[in-house]
Amino acid sequence: MKVPLFGGGEWTIIEEGFDAARVPAGESVFSLANGSLGIRYSFEEGSPVYKPGTYVNGFYENLPITYGENAFGFPLEKQTILTLPDAASLKLFVNGEPFSMEHGRLLSHTRILDMKSAAAAR
């Protein structure tokens, strides 16, 4: 029997325990966005991290597309959304040492996302 990565009820997503291999999936699952602004949910402590970022709708760059031969209807450029610096990071120190989820002894870890209120809690 395979254990699901994330559990929860009707309106909640819950992650119990910490597994560094789940960091990329967790960042995607716990992300929040409202159509104008989106934040990829990485750990506030900054580590471990896969691809943190803040995204703003309409903030992109245009890049030309090169084809072997041109034809009617082929786009001339593509738009790529730009990743802004992570707006949710902070530095946490324990006894003067920087805290990291990957190092040291973690006694417990739970992340909860309430989809009804669009709020994350620990």
PDB file of N, CA and C in Angstrom:
ATOM      1  N   MET A   1       0.834  -1.176   0.000  1.00  0.00           N
ATOM      2  CA  MET A   1       0.000   0.000   0.000  1.00  0.00           C
ATOM      3  C   MET A   1       0.880   1.242   0.000  1.00  0.00           C
ATOM      4  N   LYS A   2       0.642   2.145  -0.928  1.00  0.00           N
ATOM      5  CA  LYS A   2       1.422   3.361  -1.032  1.00  0.00           C
ATOM      6  C   LYS A   2       0.774   4.464  -0.200  1.00  0.00           C
ATOM      7  N   VAL A   3       1.578   5.133   0.649  1.00  0.00           N
ATOM      8  CA  VAL A   3       1.070   6.213   1.497  1.00  0.00           C
ATOM      9  C   VAL A   3       1.034   7.494   0.672  1.00  0.00           C
ATOM     10  N   PRO A   4      -0.088   8.238   0.690  1.00  0.00           N
ATOM     11  CA  PRO A   4      -0.149   9.476  -0.080  1.00  0.00           C
ATOM     12  C   PRO A   4       0.837  10.509   0.455  1.00  0.00           C
ATOM     13  N   LEU A   5       1.367  11.342  -0.439  1.00  0.00           N
ATOM     14  CA  LEU A   5       2.302  12.381  -0.024  1.00  0.00           C
ATOM     15  C   LEU A   5       1.634  13.408   0.870  1.00  0.00           C
ATOM     16  N   PHE A   6       0.397  13.761   0.547  1.00  0.00           N
ATOM     17  CA  PHE A   6      -0.303  14.798   1.290  1.00  0.00           C
ATOM     18  C   PHE A   6      -1.697  14.291   1.637  1.00  0.00           C
ATOM     19  N   GLY A   7      -2.089  14.477   2.880  1.00  0.00           N
ATOM     20  CA  GLY A   7      -3.415  14.075   3.317  1.00  0.00           C
ATOM     21  C   GLY A   7      -4.264  15.307   3.544  1.00  0.00           C
ATOM     22  N   GLY A   8      -5.379  15.119   4.227  1.00  0.00           N
ATOM     23  CA  GLY A   8      -6.242  16.239   4.551  1.00  0.00           C
ATOM     24  C   GLY A   8      -7.692  15.897   4.358  1.00  0.00           C
ATOM     25  N   GLY A   9      -8.518  16.879   4.634  1.00  0.00           N
ATOM     26  CA  GLY A   9      -9.959  16.705   4.504  1.00  0.00           C
ATOM     27  C   GLY A   9     -10.483  17.405   3.275  1.00  0.00           C
ATOM     28  N   GLU A  10     -11.743  17.793   3.353  1.00  0.00           N
ATOM     29  CA  GLU A  10     -12.415  18.407   2.207  1.00  0.00           C
ATOM     30  C   GLU A  10     -11.765  19.730   1.776  1.00  0.00           C
ATOM     31  N   TRP A  11     -11.374  20.570   2.730  1.00  0.00           N
ATOM     32  CA  TRP A  11     -10.813  21.885   2.414  1.00  0.00           C
ATOM     33  C   TRP A  11      -9.357  22.051   2.850  1.00  0.00           C
ATOM     34  N   THR A  12      -8.726  20.998   3.337  1.00  0.00           N
ATOM     35  CA  THR A  12      -7.362  21.148   3.839  1.00  0.00           C
ATOM     36  C   THR A  12      -6.400  20.180   3.164  1.00  0.00           C
ATOM     37  N   ILE A  13      -5.156  20.617   3.072  1.00  0.00           N
ATOM     38  CA  ILE A  13      -4.055  19.774   2.609  1.00  0.00           C
ATOM     39  C   ILE A  13      -3.060  19.735   3.762  1.00  0.00           C
ATOM     40  N   ILE A  14      -2.653  18.547   4.155  1.00  0.00           N
ATOM     41  CA  ILE A  14      -1.771  18.395   5.315  1.00  0.00           C
ATOM     42  C   ILE A  14      -0.540  17.586   4.930  1.00  0.00           C
ATOM     43  N   GLU A  15       0.603  18.087   5.332  1.00  0.00           N
ATOM     44  CA  GLU A  15       1.862  17.353   5.181  1.00  0.00           C
ATOM     45  C   GLU A  15       2.365  17.020   6.578  1.00  0.00           C
ATOM     46  N   GLU A  16       2.488  15.737   6.866  1.00  0.00           N
ATOM     47  CA  GLU A  16       3.002  15.275   8.152  1.00  0.00           C
ATOM     48  C   GLU A  16       4.423  14.765   7.965  1.00  0.00           C
ATOM     49  N   GLY A  17       5.330  15.213   8.806  1.00  0.00           N
ATOM     50  CA  GLY A  17       6.718  14.771   8.721  1.00  0.00           C
ATOM     51  C   GLY A  17       7.460  15.519   7.627  1.00  0.00           C
ATOM     52  N   PHE A  18       8.769  15.427   7.675  1.00  0.00           N
ATOM     53  CA  PHE A  18       9.611  16.109   6.691  1.00  0.00           C
ATOM     54  C   PHE A  18      10.384  15.091   5.883  1.00  0.00           C
ATOM     55  N   ASP A  19      10.367  15.258   4.562  1.00  0.00           N
ATOM     56  CA  ASP A  19      11.140  14.420   3.645  1.00  0.00           C
ATOM     57  C   ASP A  19      11.691  15.339   2.563  1.00  0.00           C
ATOM     58  N   ALA A  20      13.011  15.474   2.484  1.00  0.00           N
ATOM     59  CA  ALA A  20      13.633  16.384   1.516  1.00  0.00           C
ATOM     60  C   ALA A  20      13.242  16.054   0.078  1.00  0.00           C
ATOM     61  N   ALA A  21      12.938  14.798  -0.208  1.00  0.00           N
ATOM     62  CA  ALA A  21      12.538  14.407  -1.567  1.00  0.00           C
ATOM     63  C   ALA A  21      11.182  14.998  -1.954  1.00  0.00           C
ATOM     64  N   ARG A  22      10.360  15.393  -0.951  1.00  0.00           N
ATOM     65  CA  ARG A  22       9.044  15.968  -1.233  1.00  0.00           C
ATOM     66  C   ARG A  22       9.065  17.479  -1.387  1.00  0.00           C
ATOM     67  N   VAL A  23      10.212  18.120  -1.230  1.00  0.00           N
ATOM     68  CA  VAL A  23      10.284  19.583  -1.288  1.00  0.00           C
ATOM     69  C   VAL A  23       9.724  20.144  -2.597  1.00  0.00           C
ATOM     70  N   PRO A  24      10.122  19.656  -3.778  1.00  0.00           N
ATOM     71  CA  PRO A  24       9.552  20.216  -5.021  1.00  0.00           C
ATOM     72  C   PRO A  24       8.029  20.084  -5.093  1.00  0.00           C
ATOM     73  N   ALA A  25       7.499  18.924  -4.732  1.00  0.00           N
ATOM     74  CA  ALA A  25       6.041  18.733  -4.760  1.00  0.00           C
ATOM     75  C   ALA A  25       5.358  19.620  -3.731  1.00  0.00           C
ATOM     76  N   GLY A  26       5.938  19.731  -2.553  1.00  0.00           N
ATOM     77  CA  GLY A  26       5.366  20.575  -1.504  1.00  0.00           C
ATOM     78  C   GLY A  26       5.304  22.039  -1.901  1.00  0.00           C
ATOM     79  N   GLU A  27       6.339  22.513  -2.571  1.00  0.00           N
ATOM     80  CA  GLU A  27       6.332  23.909  -3.027  1.00  0.00           C
ATOM     81  C   GLU A  27       5.177  24.160  -3.997  1.00  0.00           C
ATOM     82  N   SER A  28       4.890  23.193  -4.852  1.00  0.00           N
ATOM     83  CA  SER A  28       3.783  23.346  -5.806  1.00  0.00           C
ATOM     84  C   SER A  28       2.434  23.225  -5.121  1.00  0.00           C
ATOM     85  N   VAL A  29       2.263  22.206  -4.294  1.00  0.00           N
ATOM     86  CA  VAL A  29       0.975  21.943  -3.660  1.00  0.00           C
ATOM     87  C   VAL A  29       0.576  23.068  -2.705  1.00  0.00           C
ATOM     88  N   PHE A  30       1.518  23.622  -1.961  1.00  0.00           N
ATOM     89  CA  PHE A  30       1.207  24.646  -0.970  1.00  0.00           C
ATOM     90  C   PHE A  30       1.319  26.074  -1.511  1.00  0.00           C
ATOM     91  N   SER A  31       1.495  26.240  -2.800  1.00  0.00           N
ATOM     92  CA  SER A  31       1.555  27.577  -3.394  1.00  0.00           C
ATOM     93  C   SER A  31       0.202  28.262  -3.303  1.00  0.00           C
ATOM     94  N   LEU A  32       0.240  29.580  -3.213  1.00  0.00           N
ATOM     95  CA  LEU A  32      -0.987  30.368  -3.179  1.00  0.00           C
ATOM     96  C   LEU A  32      -0.922  31.441  -4.262  1.00  0.00           C
ATOM     97  N   ALA A  33      -2.042  31.684  -4.919  1.00  0.00           N
ATOM     98  CA  ALA A  33      -2.119  32.716  -5.952  1.00  0.00           C
ATOM     99  C   ALA A  33      -3.552  33.215  -6.055  1.00  0.00           C
ATOM    100  N   ASN A  34      -3.705  34.438  -6.547  1.00  0.00           N
ATOM    101  CA  ASN A  34      -5.048  34.984  -6.695  1.00  0.00           C
ATOM    102  C   ASN A  34      -5.329  35.491  -8.113  1.00  0.00           C
ATOM    103  N   GLY A  35      -4.501  35.151  -9.064  1.00  0.00           N
ATOM    104  CA  GLY A  35      -4.685  35.612 -10.437  1.00  0.00           C
ATOM    105  C   GLY A  35      -3.830  36.826 -10.756  1.00  0.00           C
ATOM    106  N   SER A  36      -3.420  37.554  -9.747  1.00  0.00           N
ATOM    107  CA  SER A  36      -2.535  38.708  -9.932  1.00  0.00           C
ATOM    108  C   SER A  36      -1.165  38.464  -9.324  1.00  0.00           C
ATOM    109  N   LEU A  37      -1.143  37.787  -8.183  1.00  0.00           N
ATOM    110  CA  LEU A  37       0.096  37.542  -7.452  1.00  0.00           C
ATOM    111  C   LEU A  37       0.119  36.086  -7.008  1.00  0.00           C
ATOM    112  N   GLY A  38       1.273  35.456  -7.160  1.00  0.00           N
ATOM    113  CA  GLY A  38       1.427  34.075  -6.719  1.00  0.00           C
ATOM    114  C   GLY A  38       2.731  33.899  -5.974  1.00  0.00           C
ATOM    115  N   ILE A  39       2.707  33.078  -4.928  1.00  0.00           N
ATOM    116  CA  ILE A  39       3.913  32.786  -4.162  1.00  0.00           C
ATOM    117  C   ILE A  39       4.067  31.280  -4.080  1.00  0.00           C
ATOM    118  N   ARG A  40       5.212  30.799  -4.540  1.00  0.00           N
ATOM    119  CA  ARG A  40       5.542  29.383  -4.449  1.00  0.00           C
ATOM    120  C   ARG A  40       5.946  29.124  -3.007  1.00  0.00           C
ATOM    121  N   TYR A  41       5.336  28.168  -2.366  1.00  0.00           N
ATOM    122  CA  TYR A  41       5.444  27.991  -0.923  1.00  0.00           C
ATOM    123  C   TYR A  41       6.687  27.194  -0.542  1.00  0.00           C
ATOM    124  N   SER A  42       7.802  27.874  -0.421  1.00  0.00           N
ATOM    125  CA  SER A  42       9.018  27.231   0.086  1.00  0.00           C
ATOM    126  C   SER A  42       9.107  27.515   1.588  1.00  0.00           C
ATOM    127  N   PHE A  43       9.997  26.834   2.267  1.00  0.00           N
ATOM    128  CA  PHE A  43      10.159  27.054   3.695  1.00  0.00           C
ATOM    129  C   PHE A  43      10.669  28.460   3.950  1.00  0.00           C
ATOM    130  N   GLU A  44      10.093  29.136   4.939  1.00  0.00           N
ATOM    131  CA  GLU A  44      10.494  30.505   5.256  1.00  0.00           C
ATOM    132  C   GLU A  44      11.963  30.594   5.642  1.00  0.00           C
ATOM    133  N   GLU A  45      12.486  29.519   6.195  1.00  0.00           N
ATOM    134  CA  GLU A  45      13.877  29.519   6.641  1.00  0.00           C
ATOM    135  C   GLU A  45      14.851  29.520   5.466  1.00  0.00           C
ATOM    136  N   GLY A  46      14.348  29.267   4.257  1.00  0.00           N
ATOM    137  CA  GLY A  46      15.183  29.332   3.067  1.00  0.00           C
ATOM    138  C   GLY A  46      15.848  28.024   2.668  1.00  0.00           C
ATOM    139  N   SER A  47      15.742  26.992   3.482  1.00  0.00           N
ATOM    140  CA  SER A  47      16.382  25.733   3.148  1.00  0.00           C
ATOM    141  C   SER A  47      15.580  24.602   3.769  1.00  0.00           C
ATOM    142  N   PRO A  48      15.386  23.506   3.111  1.00  0.00           N
ATOM    143  CA  PRO A  48      15.734  23.225   1.732  1.00  0.00           C
ATOM    144  C   PRO A  48      14.769  23.929   0.786  1.00  0.00           C
ATOM    145  N   VAL A  49      15.239  24.149  -0.406  1.00  0.00           N
ATOM    146  CA  VAL A  49      14.429  24.864  -1.380  1.00  0.00           C
ATOM    147  C   VAL A  49      14.663  24.259  -2.752  1.00  0.00           C
ATOM    148  N   TYR A  50      13.616  24.221  -3.560  1.00  0.00           N
ATOM    149  CA  TYR A  50      13.740  23.715  -4.922  1.00  0.00           C
ATOM    150  C   TYR A  50      13.711  24.879  -5.908  1.00  0.00           C
ATOM    151  N   LYS A  51      12.633  25.629  -5.902  1.00  0.00           N
ATOM    152  CA  LYS A  51      12.494  26.744  -6.833  1.00  0.00           C
ATOM    153  C   LYS A  51      11.587  27.809  -6.222  1.00  0.00           C
ATOM    154  N   PRO A  52      12.116  28.610  -5.275  1.00  0.00           N
ATOM    155  CA  PRO A  52      11.272  29.615  -4.631  1.00  0.00           C
ATOM    156  C   PRO A  52      10.963  30.757  -5.586  1.00  0.00           C
ATOM    157  N   GLY A  53       9.925  31.487  -5.283  1.00  0.00           N
ATOM    158  CA  GLY A  53       9.662  32.642  -6.128  1.00  0.00           C
ATOM    159  C   GLY A  53       8.322  33.293  -5.878  1.00  0.00           C
ATOM    160  N   THR A  54       8.253  34.507  -6.336  1.00  0.00           N
ATOM    161  CA  THR A  54       7.030  35.290  -6.329  1.00  0.00           C
ATOM    162  C   THR A  54       6.747  35.627  -7.781  1.00  0.00           C
ATOM    163  N   TYR A  55       5.493  35.514  -8.185  1.00  0.00           N
ATOM    164  CA  TYR A  55       5.121  35.717  -9.581  1.00  0.00           C
ATOM    165  C   TYR A  55       4.020  36.765  -9.662  1.00  0.00           C
ATOM    166  N   VAL A  56       4.146  37.696 -10.586  1.00  0.00           N
ATOM    167  CA  VAL A  56       3.152  38.743 -10.791  1.00  0.00           C
ATOM    168  C   VAL A  56       2.605  38.600 -12.207  1.00  0.00           C
ATOM    169  N   ASN A  57       1.283  38.532 -12.314  1.00  0.00           N
ATOM    170  CA  ASN A  57       0.635  38.413 -13.615  1.00  0.00           C
ATOM    171  C   ASN A  57       0.990  39.630 -14.484  1.00  0.00           C
ATOM    172  N   GLY A  58       1.418  39.392 -15.685  1.00  0.00           N
ATOM    173  CA  GLY A  58       1.776  40.470 -16.605  1.00  0.00           C
ATOM    174  C   GLY A  58       3.236  40.885 -16.530  1.00  0.00           C
ATOM    175  N   PHE A  59       4.014  40.269 -15.633  1.00  0.00           N
ATOM    176  CA  PHE A  59       5.441  40.594 -15.508  1.00  0.00           C
ATOM    177  C   PHE A  59       6.217  39.490 -16.218  1.00  0.00           C
ATOM    178  N   TYR A  60       6.561  39.720 -17.463  1.00  0.00           N
ATOM    179  CA  TYR A  60       7.195  38.707 -18.298  1.00  0.00           C
ATOM    180  C   TYR A  60       8.183  39.359 -19.245  1.00  0.00           C
ATOM    181  N   GLU A  61       8.924  38.534 -19.948  1.00  0.00           N
ATOM    182  CA  GLU A  61       9.818  39.040 -20.980  1.00  0.00           C
ATOM    183  C   GLU A  61       9.462  38.382 -22.308  1.00  0.00           C
ATOM    184  N   ASN A  62       9.684  39.106 -23.382  1.00  0.00           N
ATOM    185  CA  ASN A  62       9.467  38.582 -24.732  1.00  0.00           C
ATOM    186  C   ASN A  62      10.799  38.116 -25.303  1.00  0.00           C
ATOM    187  N   LEU A  63      10.790  36.947 -25.907  1.00  0.00           N
ATOM    188  CA  LEU A  63      11.983  36.398 -26.545  1.00  0.00           C
ATOM    189  C   LEU A  63      11.619  35.986 -27.968  1.00  0.00           C
ATOM    190  N   PRO A  64      12.512  36.236 -28.915  1.00  0.00           N
ATOM    191  CA  PRO A  64      12.199  35.845 -30.291  1.00  0.00           C
ATOM    192  C   PRO A  64      12.229  34.331 -30.468  1.00  0.00           C
ATOM    193  N   ILE A  65      11.403  33.841 -31.379  1.00  0.00           N
ATOM    194  CA  ILE A  65      11.384  32.423 -31.729  1.00  0.00           C
ATOM    195  C   ILE A  65      11.991  32.289 -33.119  1.00  0.00           C
ATOM    196  N   THR A  66      12.971  31.409 -33.260  1.00  0.00           N
ATOM    197  CA  THR A  66      13.630  31.186 -34.543  1.00  0.00           C
ATOM    198  C   THR A  66      13.148  29.857 -35.127  1.00  0.00           C
ATOM    199  N   TYR A  67      12.707  29.897 -36.374  1.00  0.00           N
ATOM    200  CA  TYR A  67      12.235  28.695 -37.065  1.00  0.00           C
ATOM    201  C   TYR A  67      13.168  28.389 -38.238  1.00  0.00           C
ATOM    202  N   GLY A  68      13.168  27.144 -38.667  1.00  0.00           N
ATOM    203  CA  GLY A  68      13.917  26.758 -39.864  1.00  0.00           C
ATOM    204  C   GLY A  68      13.346  27.463 -41.092  1.00  0.00           C
ATOM    205  N   GLU A  69      12.045  27.612 -41.124  1.00  0.00           N
ATOM    206  CA  GLU A  69      11.393  28.399 -42.171  1.00  0.00           C
ATOM    207  C   GLU A  69      10.126  29.001 -41.575  1.00  0.00           C
ATOM    208  N   ASN A  70       9.778  30.172 -42.035  1.00  0.00           N
ATOM    209  CA  ASN A  70       8.610  30.881 -41.516  1.00  0.00           C
ATOM    210  C   ASN A  70       7.352  30.466 -42.264  1.00  0.00           C
ATOM    211  N   ALA A  71       6.238  30.526 -41.558  1.00  0.00           N
ATOM    212  CA  ALA A  71       4.953  30.219 -42.172  1.00  0.00           C
ATOM    213  C   ALA A  71       3.893  31.090 -41.507  1.00  0.00           C
ATOM    214  N   PHE A  72       2.812  31.295 -42.199  1.00  0.00           N
ATOM    215  CA  PHE A  72       1.724  32.093 -41.670  1.00  0.00           C
ATOM    216  C   PHE A  72       1.208  31.467 -40.372  1.00  0.00           C
ATOM    217  N   GLY A  73       0.989  32.292 -39.381  1.00  0.00           N
ATOM    218  CA  GLY A  73       0.444  31.824 -38.111  1.00  0.00           C
ATOM    219  C   GLY A  73       1.478  31.423 -37.083  1.00  0.00           C
ATOM    220  N   PHE A  74       2.755  31.304 -37.466  1.00  0.00           N
ATOM    221  CA  PHE A  74       3.792  30.985 -36.486  1.00  0.00           C
ATOM    222  C   PHE A  74       4.053  32.237 -35.638  1.00  0.00           C
ATOM    223  N   PRO A  75       4.077  32.126 -34.320  1.00  0.00           N
ATOM    224  CA  PRO A  75       4.377  33.304 -33.498  1.00  0.00           C
ATOM    225  C   PRO A  75       5.826  33.743 -33.710  1.00  0.00           C
ATOM    226  N   LEU A  76       6.046  35.037 -33.617  1.00  0.00           N
ATOM    227  CA  LEU A  76       7.388  35.581 -33.793  1.00  0.00           C
ATOM    228  C   LEU A  76       8.163  35.657 -32.484  1.00  0.00           C
ATOM    229  N   GLU A  77       7.438  35.674 -31.373  1.00  0.00           N
ATOM    230  CA  GLU A  77       8.105  35.715 -30.068  1.00  0.00           C
ATOM    231  C   GLU A  77       7.288  34.959 -29.039  1.00  0.00           C
ATOM    232  N   LYS A  78       7.971  34.597 -27.953  1.00  0.00           N
ATOM    233  CA  LYS A  78       7.298  33.912 -26.848  1.00  0.00           C
ATOM    234  C   LYS A  78       7.408  34.762 -25.597  1.00  0.00           C
ATOM    235  N   GLN A  79       6.487  34.548 -24.671  1.00  0.00           N
ATOM    236  CA  GLN A  79       6.508  35.263 -23.406  1.00  0.00           C
ATOM    237  C   GLN A  79       6.835  34.274 -22.293  1.00  0.00           C
ATOM    238  N   THR A  80       7.768  34.665 -21.443  1.00  0.00           N
ATOM    239  CA  THR A  80       8.171  33.840 -20.311  1.00  0.00           C
ATOM    240  C   THR A  80       7.947  34.633 -19.040  1.00  0.00           C
ATOM    241  N   ILE A  81       7.162  34.058 -18.117  1.00  0.00           N
ATOM    242  CA  ILE A  81       6.926  34.753 -16.851  1.00  0.00           C
ATOM    243  C   ILE A  81       8.236  34.789 -16.061  1.00  0.00           C
ATOM    244  N   LEU A  82       8.508  35.902 -15.425  1.00  0.00           N
ATOM    245  CA  LEU A  82       9.741  36.072 -14.669  1.00  0.00           C
ATOM    246  C   LEU A  82       9.515  35.767 -13.194  1.00  0.00           C
ATOM    247  N   THR A  83      10.476  35.132 -12.591  1.00  0.00           N
ATOM    248  CA  THR A  83      10.424  34.846 -11.168  1.00  0.00           C
ATOM    249  C   THR A  83      11.027  36.027 -10.419  1.00  0.00           C
ATOM    250  N   LEU A  84      10.262  36.600  -9.511  1.00  0.00           N
ATOM    251  CA  LEU A  84      10.761  37.681  -8.673  1.00  0.00           C
ATOM    252  C   LEU A  84      11.398  37.073  -7.425  1.00  0.00           C
ATOM    253  N   PRO A  85      12.189  37.839  -6.688  1.00  0.00           N
ATOM    254  CA  PRO A  85      12.780  37.294  -5.460  1.00  0.00           C
ATOM    255  C   PRO A  85      11.693  36.795  -4.511  1.00  0.00           C
ATOM    256  N   ASP A  86      12.031  35.774  -3.744  1.00  0.00           N
ATOM    257  CA  ASP A  86      11.087  35.185  -2.801  1.00  0.00           C
ATOM    258  C   ASP A  86      10.717  36.214  -1.741  1.00  0.00           C
ATOM    259  N   ALA A  87       9.439  36.533  -1.648  1.00  0.00           N
ATOM    260  CA  ALA A  87       8.970  37.559  -0.717  1.00  0.00           C
ATOM    261  C   ALA A  87       8.675  37.011   0.668  1.00  0.00           C
ATOM    262  N   ALA A  88       8.784  35.712   0.853  1.00  0.00           N
ATOM    263  CA  ALA A  88       8.378  35.117   2.122  1.00  0.00           C
ATOM    264  C   ALA A  88       9.531  34.509   2.910  1.00  0.00           C
ATOM    265  N   SER A  89      10.764  34.851   2.608  1.00  0.00           N
ATOM    266  CA  SER A  89      11.885  34.210   3.305  1.00  0.00           C
ATOM    267  C   SER A  89      12.300  34.999   4.537  1.00  0.00           C
ATOM    268  N   LEU A  90      12.884  34.295   5.484  1.00  0.00           N
ATOM    269  CA  LEU A  90      13.438  34.907   6.676  1.00  0.00           C
ATOM    270  C   LEU A  90      14.597  34.048   7.150  1.00  0.00           C
ATOM    271  N   LYS A  91      15.430  34.594   8.022  1.00  0.00           N
ATOM    272  CA  LYS A  91      16.550  33.844   8.592  1.00  0.00           C
ATOM    273  C   LYS A  91      16.228  33.542  10.040  1.00  0.00           C
ATOM    274  N   LEU A  92      16.286  32.268  10.398  1.00  0.00           N
ATOM    275  CA  LEU A  92      15.996  31.827  11.751  1.00  0.00           C
ATOM    276  C   LEU A  92      17.276  31.254  12.345  1.00  0.00           C
ATOM    277  N   PHE A  93      17.617  31.721  13.548  1.00  0.00           N
ATOM    278  CA  PHE A  93      18.817  31.242  14.234  1.00  0.00           C
ATOM    279  C   PHE A  93      18.414  30.570  15.543  1.00  0.00           C
ATOM    280  N   VAL A  94      19.047  29.440  15.848  1.00  0.00           N
ATOM    281  CA  VAL A  94      18.838  28.740  17.104  1.00  0.00           C
ATOM    282  C   VAL A  94      20.187  28.650  17.797  1.00  0.00           C
ATOM    283  N   ASN A  95      20.293  29.251  18.961  1.00  0.00           N
ATOM    284  CA  ASN A  95      21.557  29.318  19.707  1.00  0.00           C
ATOM    285  C   ASN A  95      22.684  29.874  18.846  1.00  0.00           C
ATOM    286  N   GLY A  96      22.389  30.878  18.044  1.00  0.00           N
ATOM    287  CA  GLY A  96      23.393  31.534  17.213  1.00  0.00           C
ATOM    288  C   GLY A  96      23.723  30.826  15.916  1.00  0.00           C
ATOM    289  N   GLU A  97      23.124  29.666  15.680  1.00  0.00           N
ATOM    290  CA  GLU A  97      23.369  28.897  14.464  1.00  0.00           C
ATOM    291  C   GLU A  97      22.167  29.007  13.530  1.00  0.00           C
ATOM    292  N   PRO A  98      22.414  29.138  12.209  1.00  0.00           N
ATOM    293  CA  PRO A  98      21.279  29.198  11.283  1.00  0.00           C
ATOM    294  C   PRO A  98      20.498  27.888  11.278  1.00  0.00           C
ATOM    295  N   PHE A  99      19.165  27.996  11.323  1.00  0.00           N
ATOM    296  CA  PHE A  99      18.299  26.824  11.329  1.00  0.00           C
ATOM    297  C   PHE A  99      18.117  26.296   9.921  1.00  0.00           C
ATOM    298  N   SER A 100      18.116  24.974   9.773  1.00  0.00           N
ATOM    299  CA  SER A 100      17.864  24.333   8.495  1.00  0.00           C
ATOM    300  C   SER A 100      17.049  23.074   8.743  1.00  0.00           C
ATOM    301  N   MET A 101      16.027  22.856   7.904  1.00  0.00           N
ATOM    302  CA  MET A 101      15.205  21.660   8.019  1.00  0.00           C
ATOM    303  C   MET A 101      16.017  20.399   7.719  1.00  0.00           C
ATOM    304  N   GLU A 102      17.093  20.534   6.960  1.00  0.00           N
ATOM    305  CA  GLU A 102      17.885  19.384   6.527  1.00  0.00           C
ATOM    306  C   GLU A 102      18.921  18.933   7.549  1.00  0.00           C
ATOM    307  N   HIS A 103      19.320  19.819   8.448  1.00  0.00           N
ATOM    308  CA  HIS A 103      20.392  19.505   9.380  1.00  0.00           C
ATOM    309  C   HIS A 103      19.866  19.559  10.810  1.00  0.00           C
ATOM    310  N   GLY A 104      20.451  18.803  11.659  1.00  0.00           N
ATOM    311  CA  GLY A 104      20.015  18.772  13.046  1.00  0.00           C
ATOM    312  C   GLY A 104      18.915  17.751  13.247  1.00  0.00           C
ATOM    313  N   ARG A 105      18.297  17.791  14.412  1.00  0.00           N
ATOM    314  CA  ARG A 105      17.246  16.833  14.754  1.00  0.00           C
ATOM    315  C   ARG A 105      15.903  17.538  14.760  1.00  0.00           C
ATOM    316  N   LEU A 106      15.042  17.149  13.854  1.00  0.00           N
ATOM    317  CA  LEU A 106      13.705  17.720  13.748  1.00  0.00           C
ATOM    318  C   LEU A 106      12.749  16.809  14.505  1.00  0.00           C
ATOM    319  N   LEU A 107      12.100  17.335  15.533  1.00  0.00           N
ATOM    320  CA  LEU A 107      11.220  16.510  16.365  1.00  0.00           C
ATOM    321  C   LEU A 107       9.882  16.244  15.682  1.00  0.00           C
ATOM    322  N   SER A 108       9.332  17.241  15.011  1.00  0.00           N
ATOM    323  CA  SER A 108       8.088  17.047  14.272  1.00  0.00           C
ATOM    324  C   SER A 108       7.939  18.162  13.245  1.00  0.00           C
ATOM    325  N   HIS A 109       7.104  17.895  12.253  1.00  0.00           N
ATOM    326  CA  HIS A 109       6.852  18.882  11.208  1.00  0.00           C
ATOM    327  C   HIS A 109       5.463  18.630  10.634  1.00  0.00           C
ATOM    328  N   THR A 110       4.655  19.675  10.593  1.00  0.00           N
ATOM    329  CA  THR A 110       3.325  19.603   9.993  1.00  0.00           C
ATOM    330  C   THR A 110       3.061  20.901   9.254  1.00  0.00           C
ATOM    331  N   ARG A 111       2.617  20.785   8.009  1.00  0.00           N
ATOM    332  CA  ARG A 111       2.166  21.956   7.249  1.00  0.00           C
ATOM    333  C   ARG A 111       0.700  21.736   6.919  1.00  0.00           C
ATOM    334  N   ILE A 112      -0.094  22.788   7.080  1.00  0.00           N
ATOM    335  CA  ILE A 112      -1.520  22.707   6.787  1.00  0.00           C
ATOM    336  C   ILE A 112      -1.897  23.885   5.912  1.00  0.00           C
ATOM    337  N   LEU A 113      -2.599  23.603   4.829  1.00  0.00           N
ATOM    338  CA  LEU A 113      -3.129  24.651   3.959  1.00  0.00           C
ATOM    339  C   LEU A 113      -4.642  24.548   3.983  1.00  0.00           C
ATOM    340  N   ASP A 114      -5.289  25.590   4.455  1.00  0.00           N
ATOM    341  CA  ASP A 114      -6.748  25.653   4.488  1.00  0.00           C
ATOM    342  C   ASP A 114      -7.194  26.318   3.181  1.00  0.00           C
ATOM    343  N   MET A 115      -7.698  25.529   2.249  1.00  0.00           N
ATOM    344  CA  MET A 115      -8.091  26.031   0.944  1.00  0.00           C
ATOM    345  C   MET A 115      -9.331  26.925   1.000  1.00  0.00           C
ATOM    346  N   LYS A 116     -10.141  26.772   2.019  1.00  0.00           N
ATOM    347  CA  LYS A 116     -11.349  27.593   2.144  1.00  0.00           C
ATOM    348  C   LYS A 116     -10.989  29.036   2.468  1.00  0.00           C
ATOM    349  N   SER A 117      -9.999  29.233   3.339  1.00  0.00           N
ATOM    350  CA  SER A 117      -9.579  30.594   3.689  1.00  0.00           C
ATOM    351  C   SER A 117      -8.298  30.997   2.966  1.00  0.00           C
ATOM    352  N   ALA A 118      -7.711  30.079   2.182  1.00  0.00           N
ATOM    353  CA  ALA A 118      -6.460  30.328   1.465  1.00  0.00           C
ATOM    354  C   ALA A 118      -5.371  30.779   2.419  1.00  0.00           C
ATOM    355  N   ALA A 119      -5.228  30.065   3.520  1.00  0.00           N
ATOM    356  CA  ALA A 119      -4.233  30.411   4.519  1.00  0.00           C
ATOM    357  C   ALA A 119      -3.418  29.181   4.895  1.00  0.00           C
ATOM    358  N   ALA A 120      -2.130  29.394   5.080  1.00  0.00           N
ATOM    359  CA  ALA A 120      -1.242  28.314   5.520  1.00  0.00           C
ATOM    360  C   ALA A 120      -1.046  28.449   7.013  1.00  0.00           C
ATOM    361  N   ALA A 121      -0.930  27.325   7.675  1.00  0.00           N
ATOM    362  CA  ALA A 121      -0.701  27.321   9.134  1.00  0.00           C
ATOM    363  C   ALA A 121       0.277  26.218   9.465  1.00  0.00           C
ATOM    364  N   ARG A 122       0.889  26.333  10.604  1.00  0.00           N
ATOM    365  CA  ARG A 122       1.808  25.287  11.085  1.00  0.00           C
ATOM    366  C   ARG A 122       1.366  24.822  12.430  1.00  0.00           C
TER     367      ARG A 122
END
